[in-house]
Amino acid sequence: MADAADTSPLAALAERARNQLGEAIVDHGFAYGELTIVAARSAIVDVITFLHDHEGFISIVDIAGVDYPEREERFEVVYHLLSPRQNLRVRVKLSTDENEPVQSLTGLFPGAVWYEREAYDLYGILFSGNPDLRRILTDYGFDGYPLRKDFPTTGYVEVRYDEERKRVVYEPVKLAQEFRQFDYLSPWEGTDYVLPGDEKAKP
């Protein structure tokens, strides 16, 4: 928790936002001298518009996705805003799932089209009102969303240039060892030793 001197302008901002927006603000908190506002998904444009028009947050730094597969709404969409006049940064986030679209911010920040396309490409998060919602980093015909936690660590296909055919070809990934279902636990297992905290090791 940052000290009060660092958070006082942000605390005042959070209070103004809550007074103005009411139930559109689900929650807010402070960490490392920064304010995070949790917005209702249906009210994200209202929240960002208030910060833009009334609080001077005229620069959108990023829109990022986060995947929590164990949650009912597995995705968080996180908006990072900057107010050059106040020299303050604010983080706004909301929750959604694979089927519920989030309202696009392209009407307020035209450059948000790129960030929303990236979140769609890497997570499959949908944005209603985005004029060009298509993949931006992966290849044409790419299968899946590579930053989801359940996406296989090796992918499904590999790409190479075929000298005989004089073109790029796609082939299924062939592995000598199966790494597709990586469980994020320690890889170290042994018959004669057990590492502390190694949930996979057999006693």
N, C-alpha and C. Protein backbone atom coordinates (compact mmCIF):
# COMPACT_ATOMS: atom_id res chain seq x y z
N MET A 1 0.85 -1.19 0.00
CA MET A 1 0.00 0.00 0.00
C MET A 1 0.88 1.24 0.00
N ALA A 2 0.64 2.14 -0.94
CA ALA A 2 1.42 3.36 -1.00
C ALA A 2 0.99 4.29 0.13
N ASP A 3 1.88 5.25 0.47
CA ASP A 3 1.53 6.12 1.59
C ASP A 3 0.49 7.15 1.14
N ALA A 4 -0.11 7.80 2.16
CA ALA A 4 -1.25 8.68 1.90
C ALA A 4 -0.88 9.86 1.01
N ALA A 5 0.36 10.38 1.16
CA ALA A 5 0.78 11.53 0.37
C ALA A 5 0.79 11.20 -1.12
N ASP A 6 1.17 9.94 -1.44
CA ASP A 6 1.23 9.53 -2.84
C ASP A 6 -0.17 9.29 -3.41
N THR A 7 -1.08 8.81 -2.59
CA THR A 7 -2.38 8.41 -3.12
C THR A 7 -3.46 9.47 -2.96
N SER A 8 -3.18 10.60 -2.27
CA SER A 8 -4.26 11.56 -1.99
C SER A 8 -4.91 12.11 -3.25
N PRO A 9 -4.18 12.51 -4.31
CA PRO A 9 -4.88 12.97 -5.52
C PRO A 9 -5.70 11.85 -6.15
N LEU A 10 -5.18 10.63 -6.09
CA LEU A 10 -5.90 9.50 -6.67
C LEU A 10 -7.11 9.13 -5.81
N ALA A 11 -6.97 9.27 -4.50
CA ALA A 11 -8.10 9.00 -3.61
C ALA A 11 -9.23 9.98 -3.88
N ALA A 12 -8.87 11.24 -4.09
CA ALA A 12 -9.89 12.25 -4.42
C ALA A 12 -10.53 11.94 -5.77
N LEU A 13 -9.72 11.48 -6.71
CA LEU A 13 -10.25 11.10 -8.02
C LEU A 13 -11.22 9.92 -7.89
N ALA A 14 -10.85 8.92 -7.10
CA ALA A 14 -11.73 7.77 -6.92
C ALA A 14 -13.06 8.19 -6.30
N GLU A 15 -13.01 9.11 -5.35
CA GLU A 15 -14.24 9.57 -4.71
C GLU A 15 -15.13 10.33 -5.71
N ARG A 16 -14.50 11.18 -6.53
CA ARG A 16 -15.28 11.91 -7.53
C ARG A 16 -15.91 10.94 -8.53
N ALA A 17 -15.15 9.94 -8.94
CA ALA A 17 -15.67 8.96 -9.90
C ALA A 17 -16.84 8.19 -9.32
N ARG A 18 -16.72 7.77 -8.06
CA ARG A 18 -17.81 7.04 -7.42
C ARG A 18 -19.05 7.92 -7.28
N ASN A 19 -18.86 9.18 -6.90
CA ASN A 19 -20.00 10.09 -6.74
C ASN A 19 -20.69 10.35 -8.08
N GLN A 20 -19.90 10.44 -9.14
CA GLN A 20 -20.46 10.76 -10.45
C GLN A 20 -21.08 9.55 -11.14
N LEU A 21 -20.43 8.39 -10.98
CA LEU A 21 -20.79 7.22 -11.78
C LEU A 21 -21.60 6.17 -11.03
N GLY A 22 -21.62 6.24 -9.70
CA GLY A 22 -22.44 5.33 -8.91
C GLY A 22 -22.11 3.87 -9.14
N GLU A 23 -23.11 3.09 -9.54
CA GLU A 23 -22.95 1.64 -9.66
C GLU A 23 -22.09 1.23 -10.85
N ALA A 24 -21.73 2.18 -11.70
CA ALA A 24 -20.81 1.86 -12.80
C ALA A 24 -19.43 1.49 -12.26
N ILE A 25 -19.11 1.98 -11.05
CA ILE A 25 -17.85 1.63 -10.38
C ILE A 25 -18.14 0.49 -9.42
N VAL A 26 -17.60 -0.69 -9.70
CA VAL A 26 -17.83 -1.86 -8.86
C VAL A 26 -16.95 -1.83 -7.63
N ASP A 27 -15.71 -1.38 -7.79
CA ASP A 27 -14.75 -1.37 -6.69
C ASP A 27 -13.57 -0.49 -7.10
N HIS A 28 -12.72 -0.17 -6.14
CA HIS A 28 -11.47 0.51 -6.45
C HIS A 28 -10.47 0.20 -5.35
N GLY A 29 -9.20 0.38 -5.64
CA GLY A 29 -8.16 0.12 -4.66
C GLY A 29 -6.86 0.78 -5.07
N PHE A 30 -5.89 0.79 -4.13
CA PHE A 30 -4.60 1.42 -4.37
C PHE A 30 -3.50 0.39 -4.15
N ALA A 31 -2.50 0.43 -5.02
CA ALA A 31 -1.31 -0.42 -4.85
C ALA A 31 -0.15 0.26 -5.56
N TYR A 32 0.98 0.33 -4.88
CA TYR A 32 2.21 0.90 -5.45
C TYR A 32 1.99 2.32 -5.98
N GLY A 33 1.18 3.09 -5.27
CA GLY A 33 0.96 4.47 -5.66
C GLY A 33 0.05 4.64 -6.85
N GLU A 34 -0.66 3.58 -7.25
CA GLU A 34 -1.55 3.66 -8.41
C GLU A 34 -2.97 3.28 -8.02
N LEU A 35 -3.92 3.88 -8.73
CA LEU A 35 -5.33 3.62 -8.51
C LEU A 35 -5.84 2.61 -9.53
N THR A 36 -6.55 1.60 -9.07
CA THR A 36 -7.23 0.67 -9.96
C THR A 36 -8.72 0.80 -9.72
N ILE A 37 -9.46 1.05 -10.79
CA ILE A 37 -10.92 1.13 -10.73
C ILE A 37 -11.49 -0.10 -11.42
N VAL A 38 -12.41 -0.80 -10.75
CA VAL A 38 -13.10 -1.93 -11.35
C VAL A 38 -14.45 -1.42 -11.84
N ALA A 39 -14.67 -1.52 -13.14
CA ALA A 39 -15.89 -0.99 -13.74
C ALA A 39 -16.84 -2.11 -14.12
N ALA A 40 -18.12 -1.80 -14.13
CA ALA A 40 -19.11 -2.73 -14.68
C ALA A 40 -18.89 -2.82 -16.19
N ARG A 41 -18.96 -4.03 -16.72
CA ARG A 41 -18.68 -4.22 -18.15
C ARG A 41 -19.56 -3.33 -19.03
N SER A 42 -20.83 -3.24 -18.70
CA SER A 42 -21.78 -2.47 -19.52
C SER A 42 -21.54 -0.97 -19.45
N ALA A 43 -20.74 -0.52 -18.47
CA ALA A 43 -20.55 0.93 -18.26
C ALA A 43 -19.14 1.39 -18.59
N ILE A 44 -18.35 0.57 -19.26
CA ILE A 44 -16.94 0.92 -19.46
C ILE A 44 -16.79 2.22 -20.25
N VAL A 45 -17.62 2.44 -21.25
CA VAL A 45 -17.50 3.68 -22.04
C VAL A 45 -17.83 4.88 -21.17
N ASP A 46 -18.82 4.77 -20.30
CA ASP A 46 -19.17 5.88 -19.41
C ASP A 46 -18.03 6.19 -18.45
N VAL A 47 -17.40 5.15 -17.91
CA VAL A 47 -16.31 5.35 -16.95
C VAL A 47 -15.11 6.02 -17.64
N ILE A 48 -14.72 5.49 -18.79
CA ILE A 48 -13.56 6.04 -19.49
C ILE A 48 -13.86 7.46 -20.00
N THR A 49 -15.09 7.70 -20.44
CA THR A 49 -15.47 9.04 -20.90
C THR A 49 -15.39 10.05 -19.77
N PHE A 50 -15.84 9.66 -18.58
CA PHE A 50 -15.73 10.55 -17.42
C PHE A 50 -14.27 10.88 -17.14
N LEU A 51 -13.41 9.88 -17.13
CA LEU A 51 -11.99 10.12 -16.86
C LEU A 51 -11.37 10.99 -17.95
N HIS A 52 -11.78 10.79 -19.19
CA HIS A 52 -11.25 11.55 -20.32
C HIS A 52 -11.74 13.00 -20.29
N ASP A 53 -13.05 13.19 -20.17
CA ASP A 53 -13.63 14.53 -20.32
C ASP A 53 -13.49 15.40 -19.08
N HIS A 54 -13.57 14.78 -17.90
CA HIS A 54 -13.62 15.57 -16.67
C HIS A 54 -12.34 15.52 -15.84
N GLU A 55 -11.52 14.51 -16.07
CA GLU A 55 -10.33 14.35 -15.22
C GLU A 55 -9.02 14.45 -16.01
N GLY A 56 -9.10 14.67 -17.29
CA GLY A 56 -7.89 14.92 -18.08
C GLY A 56 -7.10 13.69 -18.50
N PHE A 57 -7.70 12.51 -18.42
CA PHE A 57 -7.00 11.29 -18.86
C PHE A 57 -7.20 11.14 -20.37
N ILE A 58 -6.43 11.91 -21.11
CA ILE A 58 -6.61 12.02 -22.55
C ILE A 58 -5.72 11.06 -23.34
N SER A 59 -4.91 10.31 -22.64
CA SER A 59 -3.99 9.38 -23.33
C SER A 59 -4.26 7.95 -22.87
N ILE A 60 -4.51 7.06 -23.83
CA ILE A 60 -4.65 5.64 -23.50
C ILE A 60 -3.32 4.97 -23.81
N VAL A 61 -2.73 4.37 -22.81
CA VAL A 61 -1.40 3.79 -22.92
C VAL A 61 -1.48 2.35 -23.43
N ASP A 62 -2.49 1.61 -22.97
CA ASP A 62 -2.59 0.21 -23.36
C ASP A 62 -3.96 -0.34 -22.99
N ILE A 63 -4.36 -1.38 -23.70
CA ILE A 63 -5.50 -2.22 -23.31
C ILE A 63 -4.98 -3.65 -23.32
N ALA A 64 -5.04 -4.31 -22.20
CA ALA A 64 -4.46 -5.65 -22.08
C ALA A 64 -5.50 -6.65 -21.62
N GLY A 65 -5.29 -7.90 -21.97
CA GLY A 65 -6.13 -8.99 -21.49
C GLY A 65 -5.39 -9.79 -20.43
N VAL A 66 -6.15 -10.41 -19.53
CA VAL A 66 -5.61 -11.33 -18.53
C VAL A 66 -6.55 -12.52 -18.48
N ASP A 67 -6.00 -13.72 -18.40
CA ASP A 67 -6.81 -14.94 -18.42
C ASP A 67 -6.78 -15.62 -17.07
N TYR A 68 -7.96 -15.83 -16.48
CA TYR A 68 -8.12 -16.59 -15.24
C TYR A 68 -9.09 -17.73 -15.54
N PRO A 69 -8.62 -18.87 -16.06
CA PRO A 69 -9.53 -19.93 -16.52
C PRO A 69 -10.45 -20.47 -15.44
N GLU A 70 -10.06 -20.35 -14.17
CA GLU A 70 -10.87 -20.91 -13.10
C GLU A 70 -12.08 -20.04 -12.76
N ARG A 71 -12.12 -18.81 -13.24
CA ARG A 71 -13.23 -17.92 -12.93
C ARG A 71 -14.41 -18.16 -13.88
N GLU A 72 -15.59 -17.79 -13.41
CA GLU A 72 -16.77 -17.91 -14.26
C GLU A 72 -16.64 -16.99 -15.47
N GLU A 73 -16.21 -15.74 -15.23
CA GLU A 73 -15.84 -14.84 -16.32
C GLU A 73 -14.32 -14.81 -16.36
N ARG A 74 -13.76 -15.55 -17.29
CA ARG A 74 -12.34 -15.87 -17.22
C ARG A 74 -11.40 -14.72 -17.59
N PHE A 75 -11.90 -13.70 -18.29
CA PHE A 75 -11.01 -12.65 -18.76
C PHE A 75 -11.19 -11.36 -17.97
N GLU A 76 -10.07 -10.67 -17.77
CA GLU A 76 -10.11 -9.27 -17.37
C GLU A 76 -9.57 -8.45 -18.53
N VAL A 77 -10.23 -7.34 -18.80
CA VAL A 77 -9.72 -6.36 -19.75
C VAL A 77 -9.23 -5.19 -18.92
N VAL A 78 -7.96 -4.80 -19.12
CA VAL A 78 -7.32 -3.79 -18.29
C VAL A 78 -6.92 -2.60 -19.16
N TYR A 79 -7.39 -1.42 -18.78
CA TYR A 79 -7.12 -0.19 -19.51
C TYR A 79 -6.14 0.66 -18.69
N HIS A 80 -5.09 1.15 -19.33
CA HIS A 80 -4.12 2.02 -18.67
C HIS A 80 -4.23 3.41 -19.26
N LEU A 81 -4.55 4.37 -18.42
CA LEU A 81 -4.78 5.75 -18.86
C LEU A 81 -3.78 6.69 -18.20
N LEU A 82 -3.45 7.77 -18.92
CA LEU A 82 -2.51 8.77 -18.44
C LEU A 82 -3.13 10.15 -18.55
N SER A 83 -2.96 10.95 -17.48
CA SER A 83 -3.33 12.36 -17.51
C SER A 83 -2.05 13.18 -17.53
N PRO A 84 -1.63 13.71 -18.68
CA PRO A 84 -0.40 14.51 -18.70
C PRO A 84 -0.50 15.77 -17.84
N ARG A 85 -1.68 16.37 -17.80
CA ARG A 85 -1.84 17.60 -17.02
C ARG A 85 -1.62 17.35 -15.53
N GLN A 86 -2.15 16.24 -15.02
CA GLN A 86 -2.01 15.94 -13.59
C GLN A 86 -0.81 15.05 -13.29
N ASN A 87 -0.19 14.51 -14.35
CA ASN A 87 0.89 13.54 -14.18
C ASN A 87 0.44 12.37 -13.32
N LEU A 88 -0.73 11.81 -13.67
CA LEU A 88 -1.30 10.69 -12.94
C LEU A 88 -1.63 9.56 -13.91
N ARG A 89 -1.55 8.35 -13.41
CA ARG A 89 -1.94 7.17 -14.17
C ARG A 89 -3.07 6.45 -13.42
N VAL A 90 -3.99 5.91 -14.19
CA VAL A 90 -5.11 5.16 -13.62
C VAL A 90 -5.28 3.87 -14.41
N ARG A 91 -5.59 2.82 -13.69
CA ARG A 91 -5.89 1.52 -14.30
C ARG A 91 -7.38 1.25 -14.10
N VAL A 92 -8.06 0.91 -15.19
CA VAL A 92 -9.47 0.55 -15.13
C VAL A 92 -9.59 -0.87 -15.65
N LYS A 93 -10.34 -1.71 -14.94
CA LYS A 93 -10.49 -3.09 -15.42
C LYS A 93 -11.92 -3.57 -15.27
N LEU A 94 -12.23 -4.60 -16.06
CA LEU A 94 -13.56 -5.20 -16.02
C LEU A 94 -13.41 -6.69 -16.30
N SER A 95 -14.47 -7.44 -16.05
CA SER A 95 -14.47 -8.88 -16.30
C SER A 95 -15.42 -9.21 -17.43
N THR A 96 -15.04 -10.23 -18.21
CA THR A 96 -15.91 -10.72 -19.27
C THR A 96 -15.57 -12.18 -19.56
N ASP A 97 -16.28 -12.77 -20.52
CA ASP A 97 -16.00 -14.15 -20.89
C ASP A 97 -15.83 -14.25 -22.40
N GLU A 98 -15.85 -15.49 -22.90
CA GLU A 98 -15.60 -15.70 -24.33
C GLU A 98 -16.73 -15.22 -25.22
N ASN A 99 -17.93 -15.06 -24.66
CA ASN A 99 -19.10 -14.76 -25.48
C ASN A 99 -19.63 -13.34 -25.33
N GLU A 100 -19.36 -12.70 -24.19
CA GLU A 100 -19.91 -11.37 -23.93
C GLU A 100 -18.95 -10.29 -24.45
N PRO A 101 -19.38 -9.52 -25.46
CA PRO A 101 -18.48 -8.48 -25.97
C PRO A 101 -18.38 -7.30 -25.03
N VAL A 102 -17.26 -6.62 -25.12
CA VAL A 102 -17.00 -5.39 -24.38
C VAL A 102 -17.16 -4.23 -25.34
N GLN A 103 -17.74 -3.13 -24.88
CA GLN A 103 -17.91 -1.98 -25.75
C GLN A 103 -16.55 -1.41 -26.15
N SER A 104 -16.40 -1.12 -27.43
CA SER A 104 -15.14 -0.57 -27.94
C SER A 104 -14.96 0.87 -27.49
N LEU A 105 -13.70 1.26 -27.32
CA LEU A 105 -13.38 2.65 -26.98
C LEU A 105 -12.94 3.45 -28.20
N THR A 106 -13.12 2.90 -29.40
CA THR A 106 -12.61 3.57 -30.59
C THR A 106 -13.33 4.89 -30.87
N GLY A 107 -14.54 5.06 -30.36
CA GLY A 107 -15.23 6.34 -30.53
C GLY A 107 -14.57 7.45 -29.74
N LEU A 108 -13.91 7.10 -28.64
CA LEU A 108 -13.24 8.08 -27.78
C LEU A 108 -11.75 8.15 -28.08
N PHE A 109 -11.13 6.99 -28.27
CA PHE A 109 -9.72 6.89 -28.61
C PHE A 109 -9.60 6.10 -29.91
N PRO A 110 -9.49 6.75 -31.06
CA PRO A 110 -9.40 6.00 -32.32
C PRO A 110 -8.25 4.98 -32.33
N GLY A 111 -7.16 5.29 -31.65
CA GLY A 111 -6.02 4.37 -31.61
C GLY A 111 -6.28 3.10 -30.83
N ALA A 112 -7.39 3.06 -30.08
CA ALA A 112 -7.72 1.86 -29.31
C ALA A 112 -8.02 0.68 -30.21
N VAL A 113 -8.28 0.93 -31.49
CA VAL A 113 -8.55 -0.16 -32.43
C VAL A 113 -7.41 -1.18 -32.44
N TRP A 114 -6.17 -0.71 -32.32
CA TRP A 114 -5.02 -1.61 -32.35
C TRP A 114 -4.95 -2.46 -31.09
N TYR A 115 -5.16 -1.83 -29.93
CA TYR A 115 -5.11 -2.56 -28.67
C TYR A 115 -6.21 -3.60 -28.58
N GLU A 116 -7.41 -3.23 -29.03
CA GLU A 116 -8.54 -4.16 -28.98
C GLU A 116 -8.32 -5.33 -29.94
N ARG A 117 -7.74 -5.05 -31.09
CA ARG A 117 -7.42 -6.14 -32.01
C ARG A 117 -6.42 -7.10 -31.39
N GLU A 118 -5.44 -6.57 -30.67
CA GLU A 118 -4.45 -7.43 -30.03
C GLU A 118 -5.10 -8.31 -28.97
N ALA A 119 -5.98 -7.74 -28.15
CA ALA A 119 -6.66 -8.52 -27.12
C ALA A 119 -7.55 -9.59 -27.75
N TYR A 120 -8.17 -9.25 -28.88
CA TYR A 120 -8.98 -10.24 -29.59
C TYR A 120 -8.10 -11.35 -30.15
N ASP A 121 -7.00 -10.98 -30.77
CA ASP A 121 -6.12 -11.95 -31.41
C ASP A 121 -5.51 -12.92 -30.41
N LEU A 122 -5.07 -12.42 -29.27
CA LEU A 122 -4.32 -13.24 -28.32
C LEU A 122 -5.20 -13.94 -27.29
N TYR A 123 -6.40 -13.38 -27.00
CA TYR A 123 -7.28 -13.97 -25.99
C TYR A 123 -8.65 -14.37 -26.53
N GLY A 124 -9.06 -13.81 -27.65
CA GLY A 124 -10.41 -14.05 -28.14
C GLY A 124 -11.45 -13.16 -27.50
N ILE A 125 -11.03 -12.06 -26.87
CA ILE A 125 -11.97 -11.13 -26.25
C ILE A 125 -12.65 -10.32 -27.36
N LEU A 126 -13.96 -10.23 -27.30
CA LEU A 126 -14.74 -9.54 -28.33
C LEU A 126 -15.01 -8.10 -27.93
N PHE A 127 -14.98 -7.19 -28.92
CA PHE A 127 -15.24 -5.78 -28.69
C PHE A 127 -16.31 -5.31 -29.67
N SER A 128 -17.48 -4.95 -29.15
CA SER A 128 -18.56 -4.49 -30.02
C SER A 128 -18.31 -3.03 -30.41
N GLY A 129 -18.47 -2.74 -31.69
CA GLY A 129 -18.26 -1.38 -32.17
C GLY A 129 -16.87 -1.13 -32.71
N ASN A 130 -15.96 -2.09 -32.58
CA ASN A 130 -14.64 -1.93 -33.18
C ASN A 130 -14.79 -2.08 -34.70
N PRO A 131 -14.33 -1.09 -35.48
CA PRO A 131 -14.58 -1.14 -36.93
C PRO A 131 -13.70 -2.13 -37.69
N ASP A 132 -12.71 -2.73 -37.03
CA ASP A 132 -11.77 -3.60 -37.76
C ASP A 132 -11.28 -4.73 -36.85
N LEU A 133 -12.22 -5.45 -36.23
CA LEU A 133 -11.83 -6.47 -35.26
C LEU A 133 -11.40 -7.75 -35.99
N ARG A 134 -10.11 -7.84 -36.26
CA ARG A 134 -9.52 -9.02 -36.88
C ARG A 134 -8.14 -9.22 -36.28
N ARG A 135 -7.55 -10.36 -36.56
CA ARG A 135 -6.25 -10.67 -35.98
C ARG A 135 -5.20 -9.64 -36.43
N ILE A 136 -4.19 -9.46 -35.54
CA ILE A 136 -3.19 -8.44 -35.84
C ILE A 136 -1.76 -8.97 -35.70
N LEU A 137 -1.54 -9.99 -34.86
CA LEU A 137 -0.19 -10.52 -34.64
C LEU A 137 0.01 -11.93 -35.17
N THR A 138 -1.02 -12.74 -35.10
CA THR A 138 -0.88 -14.12 -35.58
C THR A 138 -1.15 -14.18 -37.08
N ASP A 139 -0.88 -15.34 -37.67
CA ASP A 139 -0.98 -15.49 -39.11
C ASP A 139 -2.42 -15.73 -39.53
N TYR A 140 -2.67 -15.60 -40.84
CA TYR A 140 -4.00 -15.90 -41.39
C TYR A 140 -4.36 -17.35 -41.10
N GLY A 141 -5.58 -17.58 -40.66
CA GLY A 141 -6.02 -18.94 -40.40
C GLY A 141 -5.46 -19.53 -39.12
N PHE A 142 -4.88 -18.72 -38.24
CA PHE A 142 -4.31 -19.23 -36.99
C PHE A 142 -5.41 -19.86 -36.15
N ASP A 143 -5.10 -21.00 -35.54
CA ASP A 143 -6.07 -21.74 -34.75
C ASP A 143 -5.87 -21.47 -33.26
N GLY A 144 -6.87 -20.88 -32.61
CA GLY A 144 -6.80 -20.66 -31.18
C GLY A 144 -6.30 -19.28 -30.81
N TYR A 145 -6.10 -19.09 -29.50
CA TYR A 145 -5.71 -17.79 -28.94
C TYR A 145 -4.50 -18.02 -28.05
N PRO A 146 -3.31 -17.61 -28.48
CA PRO A 146 -2.06 -18.10 -27.87
C PRO A 146 -1.76 -17.63 -26.46
N LEU A 147 -2.42 -16.60 -25.93
CA LEU A 147 -2.13 -16.20 -24.55
C LEU A 147 -3.14 -16.73 -23.54
N ARG A 148 -4.09 -17.54 -24.00
CA ARG A 148 -4.95 -18.22 -23.03
C ARG A 148 -4.14 -19.28 -22.29
N LYS A 149 -4.45 -19.47 -21.02
CA LYS A 149 -3.68 -20.41 -20.21
C LYS A 149 -3.84 -21.85 -20.69
N ASP A 150 -4.95 -22.16 -21.38
CA ASP A 150 -5.14 -23.53 -21.83
C ASP A 150 -4.63 -23.76 -23.26
N PHE A 151 -3.98 -22.76 -23.85
CA PHE A 151 -3.40 -22.96 -25.17
C PHE A 151 -2.13 -23.79 -25.04
N PRO A 152 -1.95 -24.82 -25.86
CA PRO A 152 -0.76 -25.68 -25.70
C PRO A 152 0.54 -24.90 -25.89
N THR A 153 1.51 -25.19 -25.05
CA THR A 153 2.75 -24.42 -25.07
C THR A 153 3.52 -24.58 -26.37
N THR A 154 3.27 -25.64 -27.11
CA THR A 154 3.97 -25.86 -28.38
C THR A 154 3.17 -25.39 -29.58
N GLY A 155 1.92 -24.98 -29.39
CA GLY A 155 1.08 -24.65 -30.52
C GLY A 155 0.62 -25.91 -31.24
N TYR A 156 0.02 -25.72 -32.40
CA TYR A 156 -0.51 -26.85 -33.17
C TYR A 156 0.24 -27.08 -34.47
N VAL A 157 0.74 -26.00 -35.07
CA VAL A 157 1.43 -26.14 -36.36
C VAL A 157 2.76 -25.39 -36.30
N GLU A 158 3.67 -25.78 -37.20
CA GLU A 158 4.92 -25.06 -37.36
C GLU A 158 5.04 -24.63 -38.81
N VAL A 159 5.79 -23.57 -39.04
CA VAL A 159 5.89 -22.97 -40.36
C VAL A 159 7.34 -23.05 -40.83
N ARG A 160 7.51 -23.38 -42.10
CA ARG A 160 8.85 -23.36 -42.70
C ARG A 160 8.73 -23.07 -44.18
N TYR A 161 9.86 -22.64 -44.76
CA TYR A 161 9.88 -22.38 -46.19
C TYR A 161 10.33 -23.65 -46.89
N ASP A 162 9.52 -24.12 -47.84
CA ASP A 162 9.83 -25.33 -48.59
C ASP A 162 10.52 -24.92 -49.89
N GLU A 163 11.80 -25.33 -50.02
CA GLU A 163 12.59 -24.94 -51.18
C GLU A 163 12.06 -25.56 -52.46
N GLU A 164 11.57 -26.80 -52.38
CA GLU A 164 11.06 -27.46 -53.59
C GLU A 164 9.78 -26.79 -54.09
N ARG A 165 8.88 -26.49 -53.15
CA ARG A 165 7.60 -25.89 -53.54
C ARG A 165 7.68 -24.37 -53.68
N LYS A 166 8.79 -23.78 -53.20
CA LYS A 166 9.02 -22.34 -53.30
C LYS A 166 7.93 -21.54 -52.60
N ARG A 167 7.53 -22.02 -51.42
CA ARG A 167 6.53 -21.30 -50.65
C ARG A 167 6.60 -21.73 -49.20
N VAL A 168 5.92 -20.97 -48.36
CA VAL A 168 5.81 -21.30 -46.94
C VAL A 168 4.79 -22.41 -46.77
N VAL A 169 5.13 -23.42 -45.95
CA VAL A 169 4.21 -24.52 -45.70
C VAL A 169 3.96 -24.64 -44.21
N TYR A 170 2.76 -25.11 -43.88
CA TYR A 170 2.36 -25.34 -42.50
C TYR A 170 2.30 -26.84 -42.27
N GLU A 171 2.88 -27.29 -41.15
CA GLU A 171 2.88 -28.71 -40.84
C GLU A 171 2.53 -28.90 -39.37
N PRO A 172 1.88 -30.02 -39.02
CA PRO A 172 1.60 -30.28 -37.61
C PRO A 172 2.89 -30.37 -36.81
N VAL A 173 2.84 -29.88 -35.58
CA VAL A 173 4.01 -29.98 -34.70
C VAL A 173 4.26 -31.44 -34.36
N LYS A 174 5.50 -31.88 -34.50
CA LYS A 174 5.88 -33.24 -34.14
C LYS A 174 6.89 -33.16 -33.00
N LEU A 175 6.54 -33.78 -31.88
CA LEU A 175 7.38 -33.71 -30.70
C LEU A 175 7.91 -35.08 -30.33
N ALA A 176 9.18 -35.11 -29.95
CA ALA A 176 9.74 -36.36 -29.45
C ALA A 176 9.17 -36.69 -28.08
N GLN A 177 8.80 -35.66 -27.34
CA GLN A 177 8.23 -35.84 -26.00
C GLN A 177 6.99 -34.96 -25.91
N GLU A 178 6.00 -35.40 -25.21
CA GLU A 178 4.73 -34.68 -25.14
C GLU A 178 4.80 -33.58 -24.07
N PHE A 179 4.74 -32.32 -24.53
CA PHE A 179 4.74 -31.18 -23.61
C PHE A 179 3.43 -30.41 -23.68
N ARG A 180 2.46 -30.91 -24.41
CA ARG A 180 1.26 -30.14 -24.69
C ARG A 180 0.46 -29.82 -23.44
N GLN A 181 0.42 -30.72 -22.48
CA GLN A 181 -0.37 -30.51 -21.27
C GLN A 181 0.53 -30.14 -20.10
N PHE A 182 1.23 -29.04 -20.23
CA PHE A 182 2.13 -28.57 -19.18
C PHE A 182 1.31 -28.11 -17.98
N ASP A 183 1.67 -28.55 -16.76
CA ASP A 183 0.82 -28.28 -15.60
C ASP A 183 1.36 -27.18 -14.70
N TYR A 184 2.43 -26.48 -15.11
CA TYR A 184 2.98 -25.32 -14.40
C TYR A 184 3.56 -25.67 -13.03
N LEU A 185 3.69 -26.95 -12.70
CA LEU A 185 4.31 -27.33 -11.45
C LEU A 185 5.78 -27.66 -11.70
N SER A 186 6.49 -27.98 -10.65
CA SER A 186 7.92 -28.27 -10.79
C SER A 186 8.16 -29.48 -11.70
N PRO A 187 9.11 -29.37 -12.64
CA PRO A 187 9.41 -30.51 -13.50
C PRO A 187 10.32 -31.53 -12.83
N TRP A 188 10.84 -31.20 -11.64
CA TRP A 188 11.84 -32.06 -11.02
C TRP A 188 11.17 -33.16 -10.20
N GLU A 189 11.32 -34.37 -10.66
CA GLU A 189 10.81 -35.52 -9.94
C GLU A 189 11.94 -36.53 -9.82
N GLY A 190 11.97 -37.23 -8.76
CA GLY A 190 12.99 -38.26 -8.60
C GLY A 190 12.52 -39.36 -7.68
N THR A 191 13.17 -40.49 -7.76
CA THR A 191 12.78 -41.62 -6.91
C THR A 191 13.45 -41.55 -5.55
N ASP A 192 14.60 -40.87 -5.45
CA ASP A 192 15.37 -40.86 -4.21
C ASP A 192 15.31 -39.54 -3.46
N TYR A 193 14.63 -38.57 -4.01
CA TYR A 193 14.57 -37.27 -3.35
C TYR A 193 13.23 -36.61 -3.63
N VAL A 194 12.85 -35.70 -2.75
CA VAL A 194 11.64 -34.91 -2.93
C VAL A 194 11.99 -33.47 -2.62
N LEU A 195 11.79 -32.57 -3.59
CA LEU A 195 12.06 -31.17 -3.36
C LEU A 195 10.93 -30.56 -2.53
N PRO A 196 11.25 -29.69 -1.58
CA PRO A 196 10.21 -29.04 -0.81
C PRO A 196 9.25 -28.26 -1.71
N GLY A 197 7.97 -28.46 -1.52
CA GLY A 197 6.97 -27.75 -2.32
C GLY A 197 6.69 -28.37 -3.67
N ASP A 198 7.29 -29.53 -3.94
CA ASP A 198 7.07 -30.19 -5.24
C ASP A 198 5.84 -31.08 -5.13
N GLU A 199 4.69 -30.53 -5.61
CA GLU A 199 3.44 -31.27 -5.45
C GLU A 199 3.38 -32.53 -6.31
N LYS A 200 4.23 -32.60 -7.35
CA LYS A 200 4.15 -33.74 -8.24
C LYS A 200 4.94 -34.96 -7.73
N ALA A 201 5.91 -34.69 -6.90
CA ALA A 201 6.78 -35.78 -6.44
C ALA A 201 5.99 -36.76 -5.58
N LYS A 202 6.23 -38.02 -5.74
CA LYS A 202 5.57 -39.06 -4.94
C LYS A 202 6.39 -39.31 -3.67
N PRO A 203 5.77 -39.28 -2.51
CA PRO A 203 6.53 -39.52 -1.27
C PRO A 203 6.99 -40.96 -1.18
